[in-house]
């Protein structure tokens, strides 16, 4: 155990991939790769940089002496210049050309764009695993009747699989948002202190075509097709808002699903995974708490709130640049990615091991089916010569009486009450023939088949094990 604070997202919840992606090594090695890419493009376009200098820079991308950086930053109070200094110490031949023509945001912003893009692509894959798990679950239970709820009150029947498609549809919306965010991330490039590229107009002696080519080459080195058309010193902070909004959207959908599972587990209809030696409560040994779904909801609330940082930052940028975004972004965006990663790992685990207690589901259906079937019963009674309005009143009166008995802990006796009404015209056996649950699920099986069939191409290449939960 460390004697210093550590974010629970790092120590308990997030994946190794995401922890490494947002690590100091990844961030600052990306800075060095950006400096190498800049020097290479400048050399290619005729600036006085030698192959020997470039080779020396490339050889020292990974050996970052953080002690040197820390000491230098204490002296100069500037993180980028501290890293320029440390890079120059291990690459002395190239020390004089590192960061040539650039401003700090060349490395800070471009590195962030690279990391955010890679993070979104990883989360996209994690989200697809959740969707694939739910697709299997929906197909398996596409025809299993279950009590539907509106206002969390018993309503018409649906199926267990159909309910899962509601969750999946939300996740598909999130996938679209992530894809949109990825597709619209452009590169900043090397644009100078206020985005005018003035330093490069000077370096290339007015040959502006070389500036465009330099930015094209650097962007290509990092897998980007284009740069932002115009910018100040930074890339537009609207990008951050779009990214965190996509992550918040994932959190909202996971919360909705996990909350539904918590409600259903309370009724013992569906249960999240519960391991053999898992303890549900320190005092109540019999407990099987839905702790994973609860954790999803807890983390989702954090991420939904965290996502508000980006629009507030984007809306308060001053002219070409202000630095009040920096400290906020260092915290809110990495934590947002780590939190989304943690939530999706939990969602994978839960959806991969959802257990349906079919007998409990059947019992709930059986208990409420007489009420659900009353419209069909009324139609049959009309066919036998009954008066629709009179029959409706009989059903209303008998339903209220049966419900009152159920609230007193007694069994539902609606059918026997209806059978005792001479005007109703149906006996209990005749009514029981109409109490087949599959008659009341509408098109649920076909809806599941059509929906899952539509998304099969998206999940056909999904591979990899579902995430294990450490704690």
Protein backbone atom coordinates (compact mmCIF):
# COMPACT_ATOMS: atom_id res chain seq x y z
CA UNK A 1 0.00 0.00 0.00
CA UNK A 2 1.22 3.47 -0.86
CA UNK A 3 1.28 6.30 1.66
CA UNK A 4 0.06 8.67 -1.07
CA UNK A 5 -3.42 9.12 -2.51
CA UNK A 6 -4.13 7.04 -5.60
CA UNK A 7 -7.24 7.31 -7.73
CA UNK A 8 -9.48 4.25 -7.27
CA UNK A 9 -9.91 4.27 -11.04
CA UNK A 10 -6.22 3.38 -11.25
CA UNK A 11 -5.93 1.04 -8.29
CA UNK A 12 -9.26 -0.81 -8.52
CA UNK A 13 -11.25 -0.45 -11.71
CA UNK A 14 -9.58 0.51 -15.01
CA UNK A 15 -7.84 -1.81 -17.48
CA UNK A 16 -4.11 -2.11 -17.89
CA UNK A 17 -4.42 -0.81 -21.44
CA UNK A 18 -6.10 2.41 -20.37
CA UNK A 19 -3.71 2.91 -17.46
CA UNK A 20 -0.75 2.62 -19.82
CA UNK A 21 -2.38 4.83 -22.46
CA UNK A 22 -2.76 7.69 -19.99
CA UNK A 23 0.55 7.07 -18.24
CA UNK A 24 3.37 9.58 -18.04
CA UNK A 25 5.52 7.37 -20.28
CA UNK A 26 2.95 7.31 -23.08
CA UNK A 27 2.32 11.03 -22.85
CA UNK A 28 5.93 12.16 -22.78
CA UNK A 29 7.20 9.57 -25.26
CA UNK A 30 4.50 10.87 -27.61
CA UNK A 31 5.92 14.35 -27.08
CA UNK A 32 9.33 13.08 -28.13
CA UNK A 33 7.88 11.29 -31.14
CA UNK A 34 6.26 14.59 -32.13
CA UNK A 35 9.59 16.39 -31.83
CA UNK A 36 11.21 13.70 -33.98
CA UNK A 37 8.44 13.96 -36.55
CA UNK A 38 8.79 17.75 -36.68
CA UNK A 39 12.57 17.55 -37.11
CA UNK A 40 12.22 14.90 -39.81
CA UNK A 41 9.71 16.98 -41.78
CA UNK A 42 11.84 20.10 -41.40
CA UNK A 43 14.92 18.21 -42.63
CA UNK A 44 12.99 16.77 -45.57
CA UNK A 45 11.86 20.25 -46.53
CA UNK A 46 15.33 21.75 -46.51
CA UNK A 47 16.00 23.16 -43.05
CA UNK A 48 19.55 22.66 -41.70
CA UNK A 49 18.92 19.46 -39.70
CA UNK A 50 21.20 16.47 -40.23
CA UNK A 51 20.44 12.78 -40.42
CA UNK A 52 22.81 12.28 -37.50
CA UNK A 53 20.77 14.65 -35.33
CA UNK A 54 17.54 12.93 -36.29
CA UNK A 55 18.99 9.47 -35.57
CA UNK A 56 20.09 10.64 -32.14
CA UNK A 57 16.61 11.92 -31.32
CA UNK A 58 14.99 8.68 -32.50
CA UNK A 59 17.37 6.65 -30.35
CA UNK A 60 16.30 8.41 -27.17
CA UNK A 61 12.51 8.51 -27.37
CA UNK A 62 11.99 6.13 -24.46
CA UNK A 63 14.77 6.96 -21.97
CA UNK A 64 13.14 9.85 -20.13
CA UNK A 65 14.97 10.92 -16.98
CA UNK A 66 12.08 12.17 -14.86
CA UNK A 67 14.39 13.36 -12.11
CA UNK A 68 16.06 15.74 -14.58
CA UNK A 69 12.64 16.89 -15.80
CA UNK A 70 11.39 17.49 -12.27
CA UNK A 71 14.46 19.48 -11.26
CA UNK A 72 14.37 21.57 -14.43
CA UNK A 73 10.65 22.29 -14.09
CA UNK A 74 11.22 23.58 -10.55
CA UNK A 75 13.74 26.03 -12.01
CA UNK A 76 11.84 27.22 -15.10
CA UNK A 77 8.20 26.55 -14.09
CA UNK A 78 7.42 25.20 -17.55
CA UNK A 79 6.77 21.51 -18.17
CA UNK A 80 7.38 21.50 -21.93
CA UNK A 81 10.68 23.35 -21.68
CA UNK A 82 11.74 21.00 -18.89
CA UNK A 83 11.18 18.07 -21.26
CA UNK A 84 12.96 19.85 -24.11
CA UNK A 85 15.92 20.26 -21.75
CA UNK A 86 15.86 16.60 -20.66
CA UNK A 87 15.62 15.42 -24.29
CA UNK A 88 18.57 17.61 -25.20
CA UNK A 89 20.65 16.16 -22.36
CA UNK A 90 20.43 12.64 -23.84
CA UNK A 91 20.61 13.86 -27.46
CA UNK A 92 23.21 16.66 -27.25
CA UNK A 93 23.91 16.78 -30.98
CA UNK A 94 20.26 17.61 -31.62
CA UNK A 95 19.61 19.77 -28.56
CA UNK A 96 19.68 22.96 -30.58
CA UNK A 97 16.99 21.94 -33.09
CA UNK A 98 14.43 20.31 -30.75
CA UNK A 99 11.08 22.16 -30.87
CA UNK A 100 12.26 24.35 -33.78
CA UNK A 101 9.48 26.78 -34.75
CA UNK A 102 6.98 25.17 -32.40
CA UNK A 103 5.02 26.33 -29.39
CA UNK A 104 4.17 24.16 -26.38
CA UNK A 105 0.76 23.16 -27.69
CA UNK A 106 2.43 21.44 -30.61
CA UNK A 107 3.38 18.60 -28.28
CA UNK A 108 0.72 18.92 -25.58
CA UNK A 109 -2.32 19.17 -27.85
CA UNK A 110 -1.21 16.82 -30.59
CA UNK A 111 -0.22 14.19 -28.03
CA UNK A 112 -3.62 14.53 -26.38
CA UNK A 113 -5.36 14.07 -29.72
CA UNK A 114 -3.37 10.89 -30.39
CA UNK A 115 -4.13 9.50 -26.94
CA UNK A 116 -7.82 10.41 -27.03
CA UNK A 117 -8.29 8.88 -30.46
CA UNK A 118 -6.60 5.64 -29.36
CA UNK A 119 -8.67 5.64 -26.17
CA UNK A 120 -11.91 6.04 -28.10
CA UNK A 121 -10.99 3.23 -30.46
CA UNK A 122 -10.28 0.95 -27.49
CA UNK A 123 -13.55 1.86 -25.78
CA UNK A 124 -15.38 1.21 -29.03
CA UNK A 125 -14.15 -2.38 -28.92
CA UNK A 126 -15.12 -2.73 -25.28
CA UNK A 127 -18.61 -1.43 -26.02
CA UNK A 128 -19.02 -3.91 -28.87
CA UNK A 129 -18.27 -6.74 -26.43
CA UNK A 130 -21.17 -5.60 -24.24
CA UNK A 131 -23.45 -5.45 -27.28
CA UNK A 132 -22.32 -8.92 -28.39
CA UNK A 133 -23.03 -10.36 -24.93
CA UNK A 134 -26.50 -8.84 -24.95
CA UNK A 135 -27.17 -10.11 -28.47
CA UNK A 136 -26.51 -13.67 -27.31
CA UNK A 137 -28.67 -13.14 -24.23
CA UNK A 138 -31.52 -11.62 -26.26
CA UNK A 139 -31.53 -14.49 -28.74
CA UNK A 140 -31.51 -17.09 -25.98
CA UNK A 141 -34.50 -15.57 -24.20
CA UNK A 142 -36.32 -14.01 -27.14
CA UNK A 143 -39.49 -16.01 -26.48
CA UNK A 144 -39.44 -16.28 -22.69
CA UNK A 145 -42.50 -14.36 -21.48
CA UNK A 146 -41.93 -12.01 -18.56
CA UNK A 147 -43.96 -9.39 -16.82
CA UNK A 148 -43.56 -5.97 -18.39
CA UNK A 149 -43.52 -2.87 -16.24
CA UNK A 150 -44.56 0.71 -16.80
CA UNK A 151 -43.96 3.10 -13.88
CA UNK A 152 -42.51 -0.06 -12.26
CA UNK A 153 -46.07 -1.34 -12.04
CA UNK A 154 -47.10 -4.65 -13.66
CA UNK A 155 -48.08 -4.15 -17.29
CA UNK A 156 -48.49 -6.26 -20.43
CA UNK A 157 -46.12 -9.16 -21.04
CA UNK A 158 -42.87 -8.78 -22.93
CA UNK A 159 -40.02 -11.27 -23.19
CA UNK A 160 -36.71 -11.35 -21.35
CA UNK A 161 -34.87 -11.12 -24.67
CA UNK A 162 -36.95 -8.21 -25.94
CA UNK A 163 -36.12 -6.21 -22.82
CA UNK A 164 -32.41 -6.74 -23.50
CA UNK A 165 -32.83 -5.21 -26.96
CA UNK A 166 -33.91 -1.96 -25.31
CA UNK A 167 -30.52 -1.83 -23.60
CA UNK A 168 -28.75 -2.77 -26.82
CA UNK A 169 -30.45 -0.01 -28.77
CA UNK A 170 -29.10 2.56 -26.30
CA UNK A 171 -25.62 1.11 -26.67
CA UNK A 172 -25.84 1.31 -30.46
CA UNK A 173 -26.62 5.00 -30.09
CA UNK A 174 -23.46 5.33 -27.97
CA UNK A 175 -21.47 3.49 -30.62
CA UNK A 176 -22.62 6.02 -33.19
CA UNK A 177 -21.52 8.87 -30.95
CA UNK A 178 -18.10 7.32 -30.41
CA UNK A 179 -17.70 6.75 -34.14
CA UNK A 180 -18.66 10.36 -34.83
CA UNK A 181 -16.14 11.58 -32.26
CA UNK A 182 -13.37 9.44 -33.79
CA UNK A 183 -14.19 10.48 -37.36
CA UNK A 184 -14.10 14.16 -36.45
CA UNK A 185 -10.82 14.25 -34.55
CA UNK A 186 -8.36 16.14 -36.72
CA UNK A 187 -4.71 16.90 -36.02
CA UNK A 188 -3.55 20.28 -34.75
CA UNK A 189 -0.22 20.16 -36.55
CA UNK A 190 2.48 22.75 -35.91
CA UNK A 191 0.73 26.11 -36.22
CA UNK A 192 2.69 28.51 -34.02
CA UNK A 193 1.81 30.62 -31.03
CA UNK A 194 -1.48 32.02 -32.31
CA UNK A 195 -2.21 29.63 -35.14
CA UNK A 196 -0.80 31.88 -37.86
CA UNK A 197 2.26 29.71 -38.69
CA UNK A 198 4.32 32.91 -38.71
CA UNK A 199 7.46 31.22 -37.38
CA UNK A 200 7.40 28.79 -40.28
CA UNK A 201 6.81 31.50 -42.83
CA UNK A 202 10.15 32.83 -41.59
CA UNK A 203 11.91 29.43 -41.39
CA UNK A 204 10.82 28.45 -44.91
CA UNK A 205 11.48 31.93 -46.25
CA UNK A 206 7.95 32.52 -47.39
CA UNK A 207 7.42 29.17 -49.12
CA UNK A 208 4.03 28.40 -47.56
CA UNK A 209 3.61 25.20 -49.56
CA UNK A 210 6.35 23.73 -47.37
CA UNK A 211 4.36 24.58 -44.24
CA UNK A 212 1.36 22.67 -45.55
CA UNK A 213 3.57 19.75 -46.53
CA UNK A 214 5.26 19.75 -43.13
CA UNK A 215 1.90 19.52 -41.36
CA UNK A 216 0.71 16.84 -43.76
CA UNK A 217 3.82 14.73 -43.06
CA UNK A 218 3.56 15.10 -39.28
CA UNK A 219 -0.15 14.31 -39.28
CA UNK A 220 0.46 11.21 -41.42
CA UNK A 221 3.14 10.01 -38.99
CA UNK A 222 0.43 9.77 -36.34
CA UNK A 223 -2.32 8.35 -38.50
CA UNK A 224 -4.31 11.52 -39.23
CA UNK A 225 -5.56 12.48 -42.69
CA UNK A 226 -6.01 16.16 -42.05
CA UNK A 227 -5.44 19.07 -39.68
CA UNK A 228 -7.98 21.56 -38.43
CA UNK A 229 -8.56 24.21 -41.06
CA UNK A 230 -7.93 27.05 -38.64
CA UNK A 231 -6.96 27.27 -34.99
CA UNK A 232 -5.60 29.55 -32.32
CA UNK A 233 -2.75 28.20 -30.26
CA UNK A 234 -4.73 25.09 -29.34
CA UNK A 235 -7.06 22.70 -31.10
CA UNK A 236 -10.73 23.65 -30.61
CA UNK A 237 -11.85 22.63 -27.12
CA UNK A 238 -15.19 21.65 -28.62
CA UNK A 239 -13.41 18.40 -29.43
CA UNK A 240 -13.06 17.64 -25.73
CA UNK A 241 -16.73 18.42 -25.20
CA UNK A 242 -17.71 16.01 -27.97
CA UNK A 243 -15.47 13.28 -26.57
CA UNK A 244 -16.65 13.52 -22.97
CA UNK A 245 -20.24 13.72 -24.17
CA UNK A 246 -19.77 10.39 -25.95
CA UNK A 247 -18.31 8.87 -22.79
CA UNK A 248 -21.17 10.30 -20.73
CA UNK A 249 -23.60 8.74 -23.19
CA UNK A 250 -22.04 5.32 -22.55
CA UNK A 251 -22.38 5.94 -18.80
CA UNK A 252 -26.05 6.85 -19.17
CA UNK A 253 -26.84 3.63 -21.05
CA UNK A 254 -24.87 1.46 -18.64
CA UNK A 255 -26.64 3.12 -15.73
CA UNK A 256 -30.05 2.45 -17.26
CA UNK A 257 -29.23 -1.24 -17.86
CA UNK A 258 -27.63 -1.76 -14.46
CA UNK A 259 -30.53 -0.06 -12.69
CA UNK A 260 -32.98 -2.36 -14.48
CA UNK A 261 -30.93 -5.37 -13.41
CA UNK A 262 -30.94 -4.13 -9.81
CA UNK A 263 -34.73 -3.86 -9.89
CA UNK A 264 -35.11 -7.32 -11.42
CA UNK A 265 -32.64 -8.83 -8.95
CA UNK A 266 -34.74 -7.39 -6.12
CA UNK A 267 -37.62 -9.44 -7.54
CA UNK A 268 -35.26 -12.43 -7.96
CA UNK A 269 -36.08 -12.64 -11.67
CA UNK A 270 -32.59 -11.92 -12.99
CA UNK A 271 -29.27 -11.95 -11.15
CA UNK A 272 -25.85 -10.60 -11.99
CA UNK A 273 -22.87 -12.98 -11.58
CA UNK A 274 -22.23 -14.07 -7.99
CA UNK A 275 -19.09 -16.07 -7.31
CA UNK A 276 -18.91 -19.15 -5.11
CA UNK A 277 -17.01 -17.50 -2.27
CA UNK A 278 -18.39 -13.98 -2.72
CA UNK A 279 -19.67 -12.28 0.44
CA UNK A 280 -22.79 -10.19 0.04
CA UNK A 281 -22.78 -8.54 3.45
CA UNK A 282 -20.47 -8.44 6.45
CA UNK A 283 -23.46 -8.90 8.76
CA UNK A 284 -26.14 -10.64 6.66
CA UNK A 285 -24.47 -13.74 5.31
CA UNK A 286 -27.46 -14.69 3.16
CA UNK A 287 -27.27 -11.53 1.04
CA UNK A 288 -26.67 -11.60 -2.73
CA UNK A 289 -26.30 -7.89 -3.43
CA UNK A 290 -26.05 -6.69 -7.06
CA UNK A 291 -22.74 -4.99 -6.24
CA UNK A 292 -21.41 -4.93 -9.81
CA UNK A 293 -24.52 -3.25 -11.16
CA UNK A 294 -24.46 -0.88 -8.20
CA UNK A 295 -20.84 -0.04 -8.99
CA UNK A 296 -21.76 0.65 -12.62
CA UNK A 297 -24.40 3.12 -11.44
CA UNK A 298 -22.01 4.73 -8.97
CA UNK A 299 -19.24 5.23 -11.52
CA UNK A 300 -21.73 6.32 -14.18
CA UNK A 301 -22.95 9.16 -11.98
CA UNK A 302 -19.35 10.32 -11.60
CA UNK A 303 -18.71 10.23 -15.35
CA UNK A 304 -21.96 12.04 -16.22
CA UNK A 305 -20.94 14.81 -13.82
CA UNK A 306 -17.31 14.80 -14.99
CA UNK A 307 -18.40 15.34 -18.59
CA UNK A 308 -19.70 18.78 -17.66
CA UNK A 309 -16.11 20.00 -17.36
CA UNK A 310 -15.52 20.01 -21.11
CA UNK A 311 -18.44 22.24 -22.19
CA UNK A 312 -17.61 24.69 -19.41
CA UNK A 313 -14.00 24.80 -20.61
CA UNK A 314 -14.96 25.09 -24.29
CA UNK A 315 -17.30 27.97 -23.60
CA UNK A 316 -14.77 30.02 -21.59
CA UNK A 317 -11.79 30.03 -23.96
CA UNK A 318 -10.39 33.52 -24.54
CA UNK A 319 -9.50 34.62 -28.04
CA UNK A 320 -6.46 32.63 -29.30
CA UNK A 321 -5.53 30.97 -25.99
CA UNK A 322 -6.02 30.89 -22.23
CA UNK A 323 -4.41 28.52 -19.77
CA UNK A 324 -7.35 28.00 -17.42
CA UNK A 325 -8.18 24.86 -19.38
CA UNK A 326 -4.93 23.03 -18.64
CA UNK A 327 -5.28 21.90 -15.02
CA UNK A 328 -8.92 20.93 -15.55
CA UNK A 329 -8.20 18.91 -18.68
CA UNK A 330 -5.29 17.05 -17.02
CA UNK A 331 -7.80 15.64 -14.56
CA UNK A 332 -11.23 15.52 -16.18
CA UNK A 333 -10.40 13.91 -19.52
CA UNK A 334 -8.07 11.10 -18.39
CA UNK A 335 -10.40 10.35 -15.47
CA UNK A 336 -13.32 10.33 -17.89
CA UNK A 337 -11.62 7.74 -20.09
CA UNK A 338 -10.56 5.61 -17.13
CA UNK A 339 -14.09 5.77 -15.72
CA UNK A 340 -15.74 4.82 -19.03
CA UNK A 341 -13.28 1.94 -19.31
CA UNK A 342 -14.12 0.79 -15.77
CA UNK A 343 -17.86 0.95 -16.43
CA UNK A 344 -17.61 -1.02 -19.67
CA UNK A 345 -15.46 -3.70 -18.01
CA UNK A 346 -18.14 -4.12 -15.38
CA UNK A 347 -20.88 -4.12 -18.02
CA UNK A 348 -19.06 -6.86 -19.93
CA UNK A 349 -18.75 -8.95 -16.81
CA UNK A 350 -22.39 -8.53 -15.86
CA UNK A 351 -23.83 -9.17 -19.32
CA UNK A 352 -21.62 -12.20 -19.82
CA UNK A 353 -22.94 -13.86 -16.65
CA UNK A 354 -26.56 -12.73 -16.33
CA UNK A 355 -28.66 -15.50 -14.80
CA UNK A 356 -32.39 -15.77 -15.40
CA UNK A 357 -34.42 -17.49 -12.69
CA UNK A 358 -37.00 -18.86 -15.09
CA UNK A 359 -39.28 -20.30 -12.41
CA UNK A 360 -39.49 -16.94 -10.65
CA UNK A 361 -40.20 -15.23 -13.96
CA UNK A 362 -42.90 -17.81 -14.69
CA UNK A 363 -44.42 -17.35 -11.24
CA UNK A 364 -44.68 -13.57 -11.69
CA UNK A 365 -46.28 -14.05 -15.11
CA UNK A 366 -48.75 -16.58 -13.73
CA UNK A 367 -49.72 -14.27 -10.87
CA UNK A 368 -50.61 -11.34 -13.10
CA UNK A 369 -51.67 -13.12 -16.28
CA UNK A 370 -55.38 -13.24 -15.34
CA UNK A 371 -55.42 -9.43 -15.25
CA UNK A 372 -53.42 -9.17 -18.47
CA UNK A 373 -55.78 -11.58 -20.20
CA UNK A 374 -58.96 -9.74 -19.22
CA UNK A 375 -59.34 -7.98 -22.57
CA UNK A 376 -59.16 -11.31 -24.40
CA UNK A 377 -61.57 -12.83 -21.88
CA UNK A 378 -63.98 -9.97 -22.49
CA UNK A 379 -63.81 -10.55 -26.26
CA UNK A 380 -64.61 -14.23 -25.81
CA UNK A 381 -67.52 -13.37 -23.55
CA UNK A 382 -68.86 -10.94 -26.18
CA UNK A 383 -68.68 -13.73 -28.75
CA UNK A 384 -70.99 -15.72 -26.47
CA UNK A 385 -73.54 -12.95 -26.52
CA UNK A 386 -72.37 -10.74 -23.67
CA UNK A 387 -72.69 -6.96 -23.53
CA UNK A 388 -69.27 -5.35 -23.82
CA UNK A 389 -70.00 -2.50 -21.40
CA UNK A 390 -71.56 -4.79 -18.82
CA UNK A 391 -68.65 -7.22 -19.12
CA UNK A 392 -66.15 -4.39 -18.66
CA UNK A 393 -67.85 -3.38 -15.39
CA UNK A 394 -67.81 -6.99 -14.16
CA UNK A 395 -64.08 -7.26 -14.89
CA UNK A 396 -63.38 -3.93 -13.19
CA UNK A 397 -65.30 -4.91 -10.04
CA UNK A 398 -63.82 -8.41 -9.80
CA UNK A 399 -60.28 -7.12 -10.50
CA UNK A 400 -60.48 -4.61 -7.66
CA UNK A 401 -61.75 -7.32 -5.28
CA UNK A 402 -59.04 -9.78 -6.35
CA UNK A 403 -56.34 -7.13 -6.02
CA UNK A 404 -57.51 -6.30 -2.52
CA UNK A 405 -57.16 -9.94 -1.51
CA UNK A 406 -53.65 -10.11 -3.03
CA UNK A 407 -52.65 -7.04 -1.04
CA UNK A 408 -53.73 -8.98 2.02
CA UNK A 409 -51.29 -11.75 1.10
CA UNK A 410 -53.83 -14.12 -0.45
CA UNK A 411 -53.75 -15.80 -3.86
CA UNK A 412 -55.24 -14.19 -6.94
CA UNK A 413 -58.82 -15.46 -7.39
CA UNK A 414 -59.88 -13.29 -10.31
CA UNK A 415 -60.91 -16.17 -12.58
CA UNK A 416 -63.09 -17.84 -9.95
CA UNK A 417 -64.78 -14.50 -9.25
CA UNK A 418 -65.49 -13.98 -12.96
CA UNK A 419 -66.79 -17.53 -13.27
CA UNK A 420 -69.30 -16.83 -10.50
CA UNK A 421 -70.78 -13.95 -12.51
CA UNK A 422 -73.61 -15.44 -14.59
CA UNK A 423 -73.56 -12.51 -17.03
CA UNK A 424 -69.90 -13.16 -17.83
CA UNK A 425 -70.73 -16.41 -19.56
CA UNK A 426 -67.37 -18.22 -19.22
CA UNK A 427 -66.35 -20.94 -16.78
CA UNK A 428 -62.86 -21.28 -15.26
CA UNK A 429 -61.73 -24.02 -17.62
CA UNK A 430 -62.67 -21.92 -20.63
CA UNK A 431 -60.81 -18.95 -19.21
CA UNK A 432 -57.71 -21.00 -18.34
CA UNK A 433 -57.44 -22.04 -21.98
CA UNK A 434 -56.78 -18.37 -22.77
CA UNK A 435 -54.01 -18.06 -20.16
CA UNK A 436 -51.13 -19.23 -22.32
CA UNK A 437 -48.36 -16.59 -21.82
CA UNK A 438 -47.10 -16.83 -25.40
CA UNK A 439 -50.44 -15.45 -26.60
CA UNK A 440 -49.65 -12.13 -24.92
CA UNK A 441 -46.09 -11.32 -26.00
CA UNK A 442 -47.02 -9.85 -29.36
CA UNK A 443 -44.13 -9.81 -31.84
CA UNK A 444 -41.34 -9.94 -29.26
CA UNK A 445 -39.52 -12.99 -30.70
CA UNK A 446 -39.65 -11.57 -34.24
CA UNK A 447 -38.53 -8.14 -33.01
CA UNK A 448 -35.53 -9.68 -31.28
CA UNK A 449 -34.59 -11.72 -34.35
CA UNK A 450 -34.85 -8.72 -36.64
CA UNK A 451 -32.90 -6.42 -34.31
CA UNK A 452 -30.11 -8.88 -33.58
CA UNK A 453 -29.90 -9.78 -37.25
CA UNK A 454 -29.46 -6.13 -38.11
CA UNK A 455 -26.48 -5.68 -35.77
CA UNK A 456 -24.79 -9.03 -36.47
CA UNK A 457 -22.37 -7.45 -38.98
CA UNK A 458 -21.19 -5.04 -36.26
CA UNK A 459 -20.36 -7.78 -33.78
CA UNK A 460 -19.22 -10.53 -36.15
CA UNK A 461 -15.55 -9.74 -35.50
CA UNK A 462 -15.84 -9.18 -31.76
CA UNK A 463 -13.25 -11.28 -30.02
CA UNK A 464 -11.38 -11.42 -26.76
CA UNK A 465 -12.32 -12.52 -23.28
CA UNK A 466 -14.81 -10.61 -21.22
CA UNK A 467 -13.09 -8.49 -18.59
CA UNK A 468 -12.60 -9.99 -15.15
CA UNK A 469 -13.42 -7.83 -12.16
CA UNK A 470 -10.56 -7.54 -9.72
CA UNK A 471 -12.49 -6.22 -6.74
